[in-house]
Amino acid sequence: MIIVKNGTLERINNWNDNSIYVLTDFDRTITVGNSESSWSILSKSNMVPKEYVQERQTFYDYYRPYEINEKIDYETKNKLMTEWWNKHIGLFVKYQLSEEVINTAAKNLRVMSFREGAKEFLENMKERNIPVIIISAGIGNFIEQFLIKNNCNFDNIYIVSNFLKFENGIASGVSDNVIHSLNKNEVSLPDEIKKLIQNRPNIILLGDSISDIRMAREDARKDALKIGFLDENVDDNKPYYVEQFDVVCTENTGYDELSQKLRILKK
């Protein structure tokens, strides 16, 4: 099901390819709603200690319900997500996961799959020379390899995410500040990306969480077409999504179906 807020189509009528850039989440936005996230890849790889898998699952079972509960206030949820991400990153260090294991797992992705039509959407953005900025709270190493494996790591795509760093071949943390699902408003885009989009006032913003709206600066959100994918806790969260997003997609809506409603997504 696709719900389009009144006035949305009229608002974007005059947008053109030279005025647009894309800000998008990755896990369960570019990938299908029931796909494993990039954080799940190692636990499904049979290349890590069972203790890592058990601890990782304990964290997931505790924190994930908070993440998808839109009734929780921002400050409380932000604190919980910071705890979760730091604890999980701490497991990489605790179990001394090697760069070789990470790279091998990244090149043998079997638990992630595109949302229907998403690959074609990325190809379309490439053909139209529209920049695509992926701001993901996932693991950048895996996102990059997923795109490479699927032949769509195009030069118009820029990934801002948690890239793992290594010391003497062993994971030691992430290469920059931790990006989690609630703090995307704090992400500083590299100067090269800022320069690329400085004369493009219109944003196609895609995410599976209301907090993904924070990918766009607050003063730019009025110029954004905000599209939200809602595939979990639909009945509870639907009112919040309808309030915050211009377009709400449920039931694992694909990009092909979405583009039929929003012609701006496919030309």
C-alpha atoms as a PDB file:
ATOM      1  CA  MET A   1       0.000   0.000   0.000  1.00  0.00           C
ATOM      2  CA  ILE A   2       1.185   3.496  -0.853  1.00  0.00           C
ATOM      3  CA  ILE A   3      -0.222   6.548   0.919  1.00  0.00           C
ATOM      4  CA  VAL A   4       0.521   9.938  -0.664  1.00  0.00           C
ATOM      5  CA  LYS A   5      -0.083  13.097   1.356  1.00  0.00           C
ATOM      6  CA  ASN A   6      -2.352  15.668  -0.284  1.00  0.00           C
ATOM      7  CA  GLY A   7      -0.440  18.252  -2.309  1.00  0.00           C
ATOM      8  CA  THR A   8       2.716  16.159  -2.648  1.00  0.00           C
ATOM      9  CA  LEU A   9       2.490  15.503  -6.381  1.00  0.00           C
ATOM     10  CA  GLU A  10       1.729  19.151  -7.130  1.00  0.00           C
ATOM     11  CA  ARG A  11       4.701  20.264  -5.028  1.00  0.00           C
ATOM     12  CA  ILE A  12       7.230  18.246  -7.013  1.00  0.00           C
ATOM     13  CA  ASN A  13       5.798  18.935 -10.478  1.00  0.00           C
ATOM     14  CA  ASN A  14       8.511  21.432 -11.398  1.00  0.00           C
ATOM     15  CA  TRP A  15      11.456  19.425 -10.153  1.00  0.00           C
ATOM     16  CA  ASN A  16      14.008  18.416 -12.786  1.00  0.00           C
ATOM     17  CA  ASP A  17      17.062  16.168 -12.825  1.00  0.00           C
ATOM     18  CA  ASN A  18      19.489  19.061 -12.334  1.00  0.00           C
ATOM     19  CA  SER A  19      17.714  20.205  -9.167  1.00  0.00           C
ATOM     20  CA  ILE A  20      17.571  16.806  -7.419  1.00  0.00           C
ATOM     21  CA  TYR A  21      19.771  14.649  -5.240  1.00  0.00           C
ATOM     22  CA  VAL A  22      18.918  11.539  -3.255  1.00  0.00           C
ATOM     23  CA  LEU A  23      19.462  11.013   0.466  1.00  0.00           C
ATOM     24  CA  THR A  24      18.760   7.434   1.424  1.00  0.00           C
ATOM     25  CA  ASP A  25      19.086   4.954   4.214  1.00  0.00           C
ATOM     26  CA  PHE A  26      20.304   1.477   3.205  1.00  0.00           C
ATOM     27  CA  ASP A  27      19.163  -1.402   5.422  1.00  0.00           C
ATOM     28  CA  ARG A  28      15.462  -2.158   4.805  1.00  0.00           C
ATOM     29  CA  THR A  29      15.236   0.848   2.469  1.00  0.00           C
ATOM     30  CA  ILE A  30      17.415  -0.122  -0.459  1.00  0.00           C
ATOM     31  CA  THR A  31      17.194  -3.690   0.776  1.00  0.00           C
ATOM     32  CA  VAL A  32      13.861  -5.427   1.269  1.00  0.00           C
ATOM     33  CA  GLY A  33      12.026  -4.911   4.549  1.00  0.00           C
ATOM     34  CA  ASN A  34      12.564  -8.476   5.768  1.00  0.00           C
ATOM     35  CA  SER A  35      16.179  -8.639   4.637  1.00  0.00           C
ATOM     36  CA  GLU A  36      18.912  -9.097   7.196  1.00  0.00           C
ATOM     37  CA  SER A  37      20.718  -5.862   8.023  1.00  0.00           C
ATOM     38  CA  SER A  38      24.398  -5.268   7.350  1.00  0.00           C
ATOM     39  CA  TRP A  39      24.952  -5.762  11.097  1.00  0.00           C
ATOM     40  CA  SER A  40      23.631  -9.322  10.798  1.00  0.00           C
ATOM     41  CA  ILE A  41      26.041 -10.524   8.149  1.00  0.00           C
ATOM     42  CA  LEU A  42      28.786 -11.736  10.462  1.00  0.00           C
ATOM     43  CA  SER A  43      26.404 -13.659  12.703  1.00  0.00           C
ATOM     44  CA  LYS A  44      25.109 -15.520   9.632  1.00  0.00           C
ATOM     45  CA  SER A  45      28.549 -16.227   8.188  1.00  0.00           C
ATOM     46  CA  ASN A  46      29.728 -19.169  10.354  1.00  0.00           C
ATOM     47  CA  MET A  47      33.048 -17.345  10.573  1.00  0.00           C
ATOM     48  CA  VAL A  48      32.735 -15.901  14.062  1.00  0.00           C
ATOM     49  CA  PRO A  49      32.665 -17.425  17.572  1.00  0.00           C
ATOM     50  CA  LYS A  50      29.283 -18.640  18.771  1.00  0.00           C
ATOM     51  CA  GLU A  51      29.717 -16.396  21.804  1.00  0.00           C
ATOM     52  CA  TYR A  52      29.766 -13.370  19.499  1.00  0.00           C
ATOM     53  CA  VAL A  53      26.543 -14.564  17.846  1.00  0.00           C
ATOM     54  CA  GLN A  54      24.852 -15.105  21.211  1.00  0.00           C
ATOM     55  CA  GLU A  55      25.842 -11.718  22.626  1.00  0.00           C
ATOM     56  CA  ARG A  56      24.911  -9.947  19.411  1.00  0.00           C
ATOM     57  CA  GLN A  57      21.466 -11.594  19.483  1.00  0.00           C
ATOM     58  CA  THR A  58      20.945 -10.626  23.120  1.00  0.00           C
ATOM     59  CA  PHE A  59      21.599  -6.989  22.246  1.00  0.00           C
ATOM     60  CA  TYR A  60      19.274  -7.199  19.235  1.00  0.00           C
ATOM     61  CA  ASP A  61      16.419  -8.739  21.202  1.00  0.00           C
ATOM     62  CA  TYR A  62      16.685  -6.037  23.851  1.00  0.00           C
ATOM     63  CA  TYR A  63      17.241  -2.903  21.734  1.00  0.00           C
ATOM     64  CA  ARG A  64      15.393  -3.560  18.459  1.00  0.00           C
ATOM     65  CA  PRO A  65      11.886  -3.192  19.973  1.00  0.00           C
ATOM     66  CA  TYR A  66      12.912   0.247  21.242  1.00  0.00           C
ATOM     67  CA  GLU A  67      14.279   1.211  17.820  1.00  0.00           C
ATOM     68  CA  ILE A  68      10.994   0.566  16.012  1.00  0.00           C
ATOM     69  CA  ASN A  69       8.748   2.014  18.732  1.00  0.00           C
ATOM     70  CA  GLU A  70       7.784   5.504  17.577  1.00  0.00           C
ATOM     71  CA  LYS A  71       6.041   6.259  20.873  1.00  0.00           C
ATOM     72  CA  ILE A  72       9.379   6.654  22.674  1.00  0.00           C
ATOM     73  CA  ASP A  73      10.730  10.198  22.912  1.00  0.00           C
ATOM     74  CA  TYR A  74      13.816  11.132  20.918  1.00  0.00           C
ATOM     75  CA  GLU A  75      16.209  11.675  23.833  1.00  0.00           C
ATOM     76  CA  THR A  76      15.446   8.304  25.416  1.00  0.00           C
ATOM     77  CA  LYS A  77      15.691   6.416  22.127  1.00  0.00           C
ATOM     78  CA  ASN A  78      18.878   8.250  21.111  1.00  0.00           C
ATOM     79  CA  LYS A  79      20.554   7.157  24.339  1.00  0.00           C
ATOM     80  CA  LEU A  80      19.453   3.554  23.842  1.00  0.00           C
ATOM     81  CA  MET A  81      20.698   3.449  20.240  1.00  0.00           C
ATOM     82  CA  THR A  82      24.052   4.902  21.260  1.00  0.00           C
ATOM     83  CA  GLU A  83      24.372   2.140  23.847  1.00  0.00           C
ATOM     84  CA  TRP A  84      23.431  -0.555  21.346  1.00  0.00           C
ATOM     85  CA  TRP A  85      25.790   0.497  18.574  1.00  0.00           C
ATOM     86  CA  ASN A  86      28.742   0.948  20.928  1.00  0.00           C
ATOM     87  CA  LYS A  87      28.117  -2.440  22.548  1.00  0.00           C
ATOM     88  CA  HIS A  88      27.984  -4.191  19.183  1.00  0.00           C
ATOM     89  CA  ILE A  89      31.142  -2.485  17.945  1.00  0.00           C
ATOM     90  CA  GLY A  90      32.710  -3.524  21.235  1.00  0.00           C
ATOM     91  CA  LEU A  91      32.031  -7.163  20.307  1.00  0.00           C
ATOM     92  CA  PHE A  92      34.243  -6.831  17.223  1.00  0.00           C
ATOM     93  CA  VAL A  93      37.074  -5.768  19.480  1.00  0.00           C
ATOM     94  CA  LYS A  94      36.292  -8.249  22.256  1.00  0.00           C
ATOM     95  CA  TYR A  95      36.386 -11.221  19.904  1.00  0.00           C
ATOM     96  CA  GLN A  96      39.294  -9.817  17.888  1.00  0.00           C
ATOM     97  CA  LEU A  97      37.557 -10.166  14.563  1.00  0.00           C
ATOM     98  CA  SER A  98      40.107 -10.027  11.784  1.00  0.00           C
ATOM     99  CA  GLU A  99      40.101  -7.932   8.642  1.00  0.00           C
ATOM    100  CA  GLU A 100      40.318 -11.171   6.672  1.00  0.00           C
ATOM    101  CA  VAL A 101      37.101 -12.473   8.262  1.00  0.00           C
ATOM    102  CA  ILE A 102      35.311  -9.155   7.644  1.00  0.00           C
ATOM    103  CA  ASN A 103      36.422  -9.015   4.006  1.00  0.00           C
ATOM    104  CA  THR A 104      35.542 -12.652   3.347  1.00  0.00           C
ATOM    105  CA  ALA A 105      32.088 -12.218   4.890  1.00  0.00           C
ATOM    106  CA  ALA A 106      31.572  -9.031   2.885  1.00  0.00           C
ATOM    107  CA  LYS A 107      32.355 -10.791  -0.379  1.00  0.00           C
ATOM    108  CA  ASN A 108      30.013 -13.691   0.335  1.00  0.00           C
ATOM    109  CA  LEU A 109      26.802 -11.849   1.075  1.00  0.00           C
ATOM    110  CA  ARG A 110      23.811 -14.152   1.082  1.00  0.00           C
ATOM    111  CA  VAL A 111      21.452 -12.619   3.616  1.00  0.00           C
ATOM    112  CA  MET A 112      20.834  -9.224   2.009  1.00  0.00           C
ATOM    113  CA  SER A 113      18.619  -8.631  -1.008  1.00  0.00           C
ATOM    114  CA  PHE A 114      17.385  -5.582  -2.895  1.00  0.00           C
ATOM    115  CA  ARG A 115      13.906  -4.239  -2.352  1.00  0.00           C
ATOM    116  CA  GLU A 116      12.096  -4.957  -5.615  1.00  0.00           C
ATOM    117  CA  GLY A 117      13.115  -2.412  -8.235  1.00  0.00           C
ATOM    118  CA  ALA A 118      15.797  -0.805  -6.047  1.00  0.00           C
ATOM    119  CA  LYS A 119      18.694  -1.823  -8.285  1.00  0.00           C
ATOM    120  CA  GLU A 120      16.861  -0.410 -11.296  1.00  0.00           C
ATOM    121  CA  PHE A 121      16.205   2.772  -9.298  1.00  0.00           C
ATOM    122  CA  LEU A 122      19.940   3.170  -8.665  1.00  0.00           C
ATOM    123  CA  GLU A 123      20.665   2.508 -12.334  1.00  0.00           C
ATOM    124  CA  ASN A 124      18.106   5.149 -13.260  1.00  0.00           C
ATOM    125  CA  MET A 125      19.726   7.707 -10.962  1.00  0.00           C
ATOM    126  CA  LYS A 126      23.087   6.929 -12.585  1.00  0.00           C
ATOM    127  CA  GLU A 127      21.681   7.417 -16.089  1.00  0.00           C
ATOM    128  CA  ARG A 128      20.161  10.756 -15.052  1.00  0.00           C
ATOM    129  CA  ASN A 129      23.366  11.874 -13.303  1.00  0.00           C
ATOM    130  CA  ILE A 130      21.549  12.399 -10.000  1.00  0.00           C
ATOM    131  CA  PRO A 131      23.807  12.075  -6.920  1.00  0.00           C
ATOM    132  CA  VAL A 132      22.815   9.351  -4.455  1.00  0.00           C
ATOM    133  CA  ILE A 133      24.079   9.764  -0.891  1.00  0.00           C
ATOM    134  CA  ILE A 134      23.652   6.715   1.301  1.00  0.00           C
ATOM    135  CA  ILE A 135      23.710   7.675   4.981  1.00  0.00           C
ATOM    136  CA  SER A 136      23.579   4.390   6.812  1.00  0.00           C
ATOM    137  CA  ALA A 137      23.793   3.318  10.419  1.00  0.00           C
ATOM    138  CA  GLY A 138      24.940  -0.048   9.078  1.00  0.00           C
ATOM    139  CA  ILE A 139      28.440  -1.286   8.290  1.00  0.00           C
ATOM    140  CA  GLY A 140      29.902   0.544   5.317  1.00  0.00           C
ATOM    141  CA  ASN A 141      32.283  -2.286   4.378  1.00  0.00           C
ATOM    142  CA  PHE A 142      29.341  -4.602   3.747  1.00  0.00           C
ATOM    143  CA  ILE A 143      27.202  -2.000   1.990  1.00  0.00           C
ATOM    144  CA  GLU A 144      30.020  -1.194  -0.420  1.00  0.00           C
ATOM    145  CA  GLN A 145      30.659  -4.871  -1.184  1.00  0.00           C
ATOM    146  CA  PHE A 146      26.931  -5.488  -1.688  1.00  0.00           C
ATOM    147  CA  LEU A 147      26.816  -2.766  -4.336  1.00  0.00           C
ATOM    148  CA  ILE A 148      30.010  -4.036  -5.973  1.00  0.00           C
ATOM    149  CA  LYS A 149      28.696  -7.605  -6.055  1.00  0.00           C
ATOM    150  CA  ASN A 150      25.498  -6.408  -7.727  1.00  0.00           C
ATOM    151  CA  ASN A 151      27.351  -4.254 -10.278  1.00  0.00           C
ATOM    152  CA  CYS A 152      25.874  -0.989  -9.073  1.00  0.00           C
ATOM    153  CA  ASN A 153      28.591   0.720  -7.061  1.00  0.00           C
ATOM    154  CA  PHE A 154      28.266   3.657  -9.442  1.00  0.00           C
ATOM    155  CA  ASP A 155      30.383   6.791  -9.325  1.00  0.00           C
ATOM    156  CA  ASN A 156      27.324   8.908  -8.471  1.00  0.00           C
ATOM    157  CA  ILE A 157      26.829   6.927  -5.219  1.00  0.00           C
ATOM    158  CA  TYR A 158      28.482   8.096  -2.003  1.00  0.00           C
ATOM    159  CA  ILE A 159      28.408   6.000   1.165  1.00  0.00           C
ATOM    160  CA  VAL A 160      28.531   7.663   4.581  1.00  0.00           C
ATOM    161  CA  SER A 161      28.443   4.869   7.154  1.00  0.00           C
ATOM    162  CA  ASN A 162      30.299   2.953   9.855  1.00  0.00           C
ATOM    163  CA  PHE A 163      33.432   1.697   8.137  1.00  0.00           C
ATOM    164  CA  LEU A 164      35.383  -0.678  10.348  1.00  0.00           C
ATOM    165  CA  LYS A 165      39.024   0.122  11.016  1.00  0.00           C
ATOM    166  CA  PHE A 166      41.777  -2.323  11.886  1.00  0.00           C
ATOM    167  CA  GLU A 167      45.045  -2.350  13.797  1.00  0.00           C
ATOM    168  CA  ASN A 168      47.466  -5.112  12.908  1.00  0.00           C
ATOM    169  CA  GLY A 169      44.673  -6.818  11.013  1.00  0.00           C
ATOM    170  CA  ILE A 170      42.248  -6.849  13.980  1.00  0.00           C
ATOM    171  CA  ALA A 171      39.073  -4.758  14.307  1.00  0.00           C
ATOM    172  CA  SER A 172      39.615  -1.772  16.593  1.00  0.00           C
ATOM    173  CA  GLY A 173      36.427   0.241  16.066  1.00  0.00           C
ATOM    174  CA  VAL A 174      35.044   2.439  13.287  1.00  0.00           C
ATOM    175  CA  SER A 175      36.925   4.990  11.233  1.00  0.00           C
ATOM    176  CA  ASP A 176      34.846   8.009  12.289  1.00  0.00           C
ATOM    177  CA  ASN A 177      32.077   8.877  14.732  1.00  0.00           C
ATOM    178  CA  VAL A 178      29.529   6.097  15.196  1.00  0.00           C
ATOM    179  CA  ILE A 179      26.406   6.577  13.068  1.00  0.00           C
ATOM    180  CA  HIS A 180      23.305   4.992  14.549  1.00  0.00           C
ATOM    181  CA  SER A 181      19.651   5.178  13.581  1.00  0.00           C
ATOM    182  CA  LEU A 182      18.926   8.312  15.634  1.00  0.00           C
ATOM    183  CA  ASN A 183      21.911  10.600  15.040  1.00  0.00           C
ATOM    184  CA  LYS A 184      21.948  11.080  11.281  1.00  0.00           C
ATOM    185  CA  ASN A 185      21.346  14.793  11.837  1.00  0.00           C
ATOM    186  CA  GLU A 186      24.859  14.927  13.299  1.00  0.00           C
ATOM    187  CA  VAL A 187      26.524  13.430  10.224  1.00  0.00           C
ATOM    188  CA  SER A 188      28.889  15.833   8.469  1.00  0.00           C
ATOM    189  CA  LEU A 189      29.047  15.245   4.756  1.00  0.00           C
ATOM    190  CA  PRO A 190      32.506  15.413   3.169  1.00  0.00           C
ATOM    191  CA  ASP A 191      33.292  18.689   1.406  1.00  0.00           C
ATOM    192  CA  GLU A 192      33.295  16.996  -2.014  1.00  0.00           C
ATOM    193  CA  ILE A 193      29.687  15.903  -1.508  1.00  0.00           C
ATOM    194  CA  LYS A 194      28.612  19.310  -0.181  1.00  0.00           C
ATOM    195  CA  LYS A 195      30.064  20.921  -3.283  1.00  0.00           C
ATOM    196  CA  LEU A 196      28.315  18.408  -5.516  1.00  0.00           C
ATOM    197  CA  ILE A 197      24.854  19.150  -4.129  1.00  0.00           C
ATOM    198  CA  GLN A 198      25.159  22.846  -3.296  1.00  0.00           C
ATOM    199  CA  ASN A 199      23.165  23.908  -6.372  1.00  0.00           C
ATOM    200  CA  ARG A 200      20.603  21.098  -6.092  1.00  0.00           C
ATOM    201  CA  PRO A 201      17.822  22.354  -3.791  1.00  0.00           C
ATOM    202  CA  ASN A 202      15.427  19.397  -4.041  1.00  0.00           C
ATOM    203  CA  ILE A 203      15.871  16.148  -2.090  1.00  0.00           C
ATOM    204  CA  ILE A 204      14.376  12.717  -2.600  1.00  0.00           C
ATOM    205  CA  LEU A 205      14.686  11.327   0.920  1.00  0.00           C
ATOM    206  CA  LEU A 206      14.170   7.595   1.527  1.00  0.00           C
ATOM    207  CA  GLY A 207      14.146   5.753   4.845  1.00  0.00           C
ATOM    208  CA  ASP A 208      12.480   3.098   6.946  1.00  0.00           C
ATOM    209  CA  SER A 209      12.469   5.075  10.190  1.00  0.00           C
ATOM    210  CA  ILE A 210      11.052   8.473  11.077  1.00  0.00           C
ATOM    211  CA  SER A 211      14.502   9.378  12.377  1.00  0.00           C
ATOM    212  CA  ASP A 212      15.806   9.019   8.799  1.00  0.00           C
ATOM    213  CA  ILE A 213      14.203  12.386   8.066  1.00  0.00           C
ATOM    214  CA  ARG A 214      17.121  13.785  10.044  1.00  0.00           C
ATOM    215  CA  MET A 215      19.434  12.909   7.135  1.00  0.00           C
ATOM    216  CA  ALA A 216      18.367  16.250   5.671  1.00  0.00           C
ATOM    217  CA  ARG A 217      19.197  19.484   7.433  1.00  0.00           C
ATOM    218  CA  GLU A 218      16.186  20.921   9.211  1.00  0.00           C
ATOM    219  CA  ASP A 219      16.138  23.997   6.970  1.00  0.00           C
ATOM    220  CA  ALA A 220      16.167  21.768   3.856  1.00  0.00           C
ATOM    221  CA  ARG A 221      13.338  19.425   4.813  1.00  0.00           C
ATOM    222  CA  LYS A 222      10.689  21.666   3.273  1.00  0.00           C
ATOM    223  CA  ASP A 223      12.375  20.982  -0.079  1.00  0.00           C
ATOM    224  CA  ALA A 224      12.429  17.219   0.417  1.00  0.00           C
ATOM    225  CA  LEU A 225      10.123  14.550  -0.919  1.00  0.00           C
ATOM    226  CA  LYS A 226      10.124  12.325   2.172  1.00  0.00           C
ATOM    227  CA  ILE A 227       9.351   8.665   1.447  1.00  0.00           C
ATOM    228  CA  GLY A 228       9.027   6.212   4.335  1.00  0.00           C
ATOM    229  CA  PHE A 229       8.986   2.416   4.171  1.00  0.00           C
ATOM    230  CA  LEU A 230       6.964   0.944   7.037  1.00  0.00           C
ATOM    231  CA  ASP A 231       7.186  -2.848   7.233  1.00  0.00           C
ATOM    232  CA  GLU A 232       7.217  -3.524  11.006  1.00  0.00           C
ATOM    233  CA  ASN A 233       4.701  -2.562  13.703  1.00  0.00           C
ATOM    234  CA  VAL A 234       2.553  -1.160  10.912  1.00  0.00           C
ATOM    235  CA  ASP A 235      -0.658  -0.631  12.868  1.00  0.00           C
ATOM    236  CA  ASP A 236       1.089   1.074  15.798  1.00  0.00           C
ATOM    237  CA  ASN A 237       3.428   3.262  13.757  1.00  0.00           C
ATOM    238  CA  LYS A 238       1.323   4.149  10.715  1.00  0.00           C
ATOM    239  CA  PRO A 239      -0.151   7.375  12.220  1.00  0.00           C
ATOM    240  CA  TYR A 240       3.352   8.652  13.030  1.00  0.00           C
ATOM    241  CA  TYR A 241       4.667   7.858   9.541  1.00  0.00           C
ATOM    242  CA  VAL A 242       1.696   9.458   7.808  1.00  0.00           C
ATOM    243  CA  GLU A 243       2.262  12.609   9.857  1.00  0.00           C
ATOM    244  CA  GLN A 244       5.986  12.869   9.128  1.00  0.00           C
ATOM    245  CA  PHE A 245       6.437  11.487   5.597  1.00  0.00           C
ATOM    246  CA  ASP A 246       4.970  12.741   2.320  1.00  0.00           C
ATOM    247  CA  VAL A 247       4.685   9.163   1.071  1.00  0.00           C
ATOM    248  CA  VAL A 248       4.289   6.045   3.227  1.00  0.00           C
ATOM    249  CA  CYS A 249       4.845   2.562   1.796  1.00  0.00           C
ATOM    250  CA  THR A 250       3.746  -0.622   3.552  1.00  0.00           C
ATOM    251  CA  GLU A 251       3.740  -4.335   2.704  1.00  0.00           C
ATOM    252  CA  ASN A 252       7.288  -4.288   1.289  1.00  0.00           C
ATOM    253  CA  THR A 253       6.412  -1.828  -1.471  1.00  0.00           C
ATOM    254  CA  GLY A 254       8.884  -2.030  -4.345  1.00  0.00           C
ATOM    255  CA  TYR A 255      10.487   0.859  -6.204  1.00  0.00           C
ATOM    256  CA  ASP A 256       8.765  -0.176  -9.400  1.00  0.00           C
ATOM    257  CA  GLU A 257       5.343   0.244  -7.780  1.00  0.00           C
ATOM    258  CA  LEU A 258       6.466   3.455  -6.089  1.00  0.00           C
ATOM    259  CA  SER A 259       7.679   4.949  -9.364  1.00  0.00           C
ATOM    260  CA  GLN A 260       4.228   4.450 -10.865  1.00  0.00           C
ATOM    261  CA  LYS A 261       2.862   6.808  -8.212  1.00  0.00           C
ATOM    262  CA  LEU A 262       5.837   9.184  -8.319  1.00  0.00           C
ATOM    263  CA  ARG A 263       6.992   9.694 -11.880  1.00  0.00           C
ATOM    264  CA  ILE A 264       9.940  11.756 -10.662  1.00  0.00           C
ATOM    265  CA  LEU A 265      11.577   8.459  -9.596  1.00  0.00           C
ATOM    266  CA  LYS A 266      11.704   7.096 -13.120  1.00  0.00           C
ATOM    267  CA  LYS A 267      12.169   8.976 -16.372  1.00  0.00           C
END
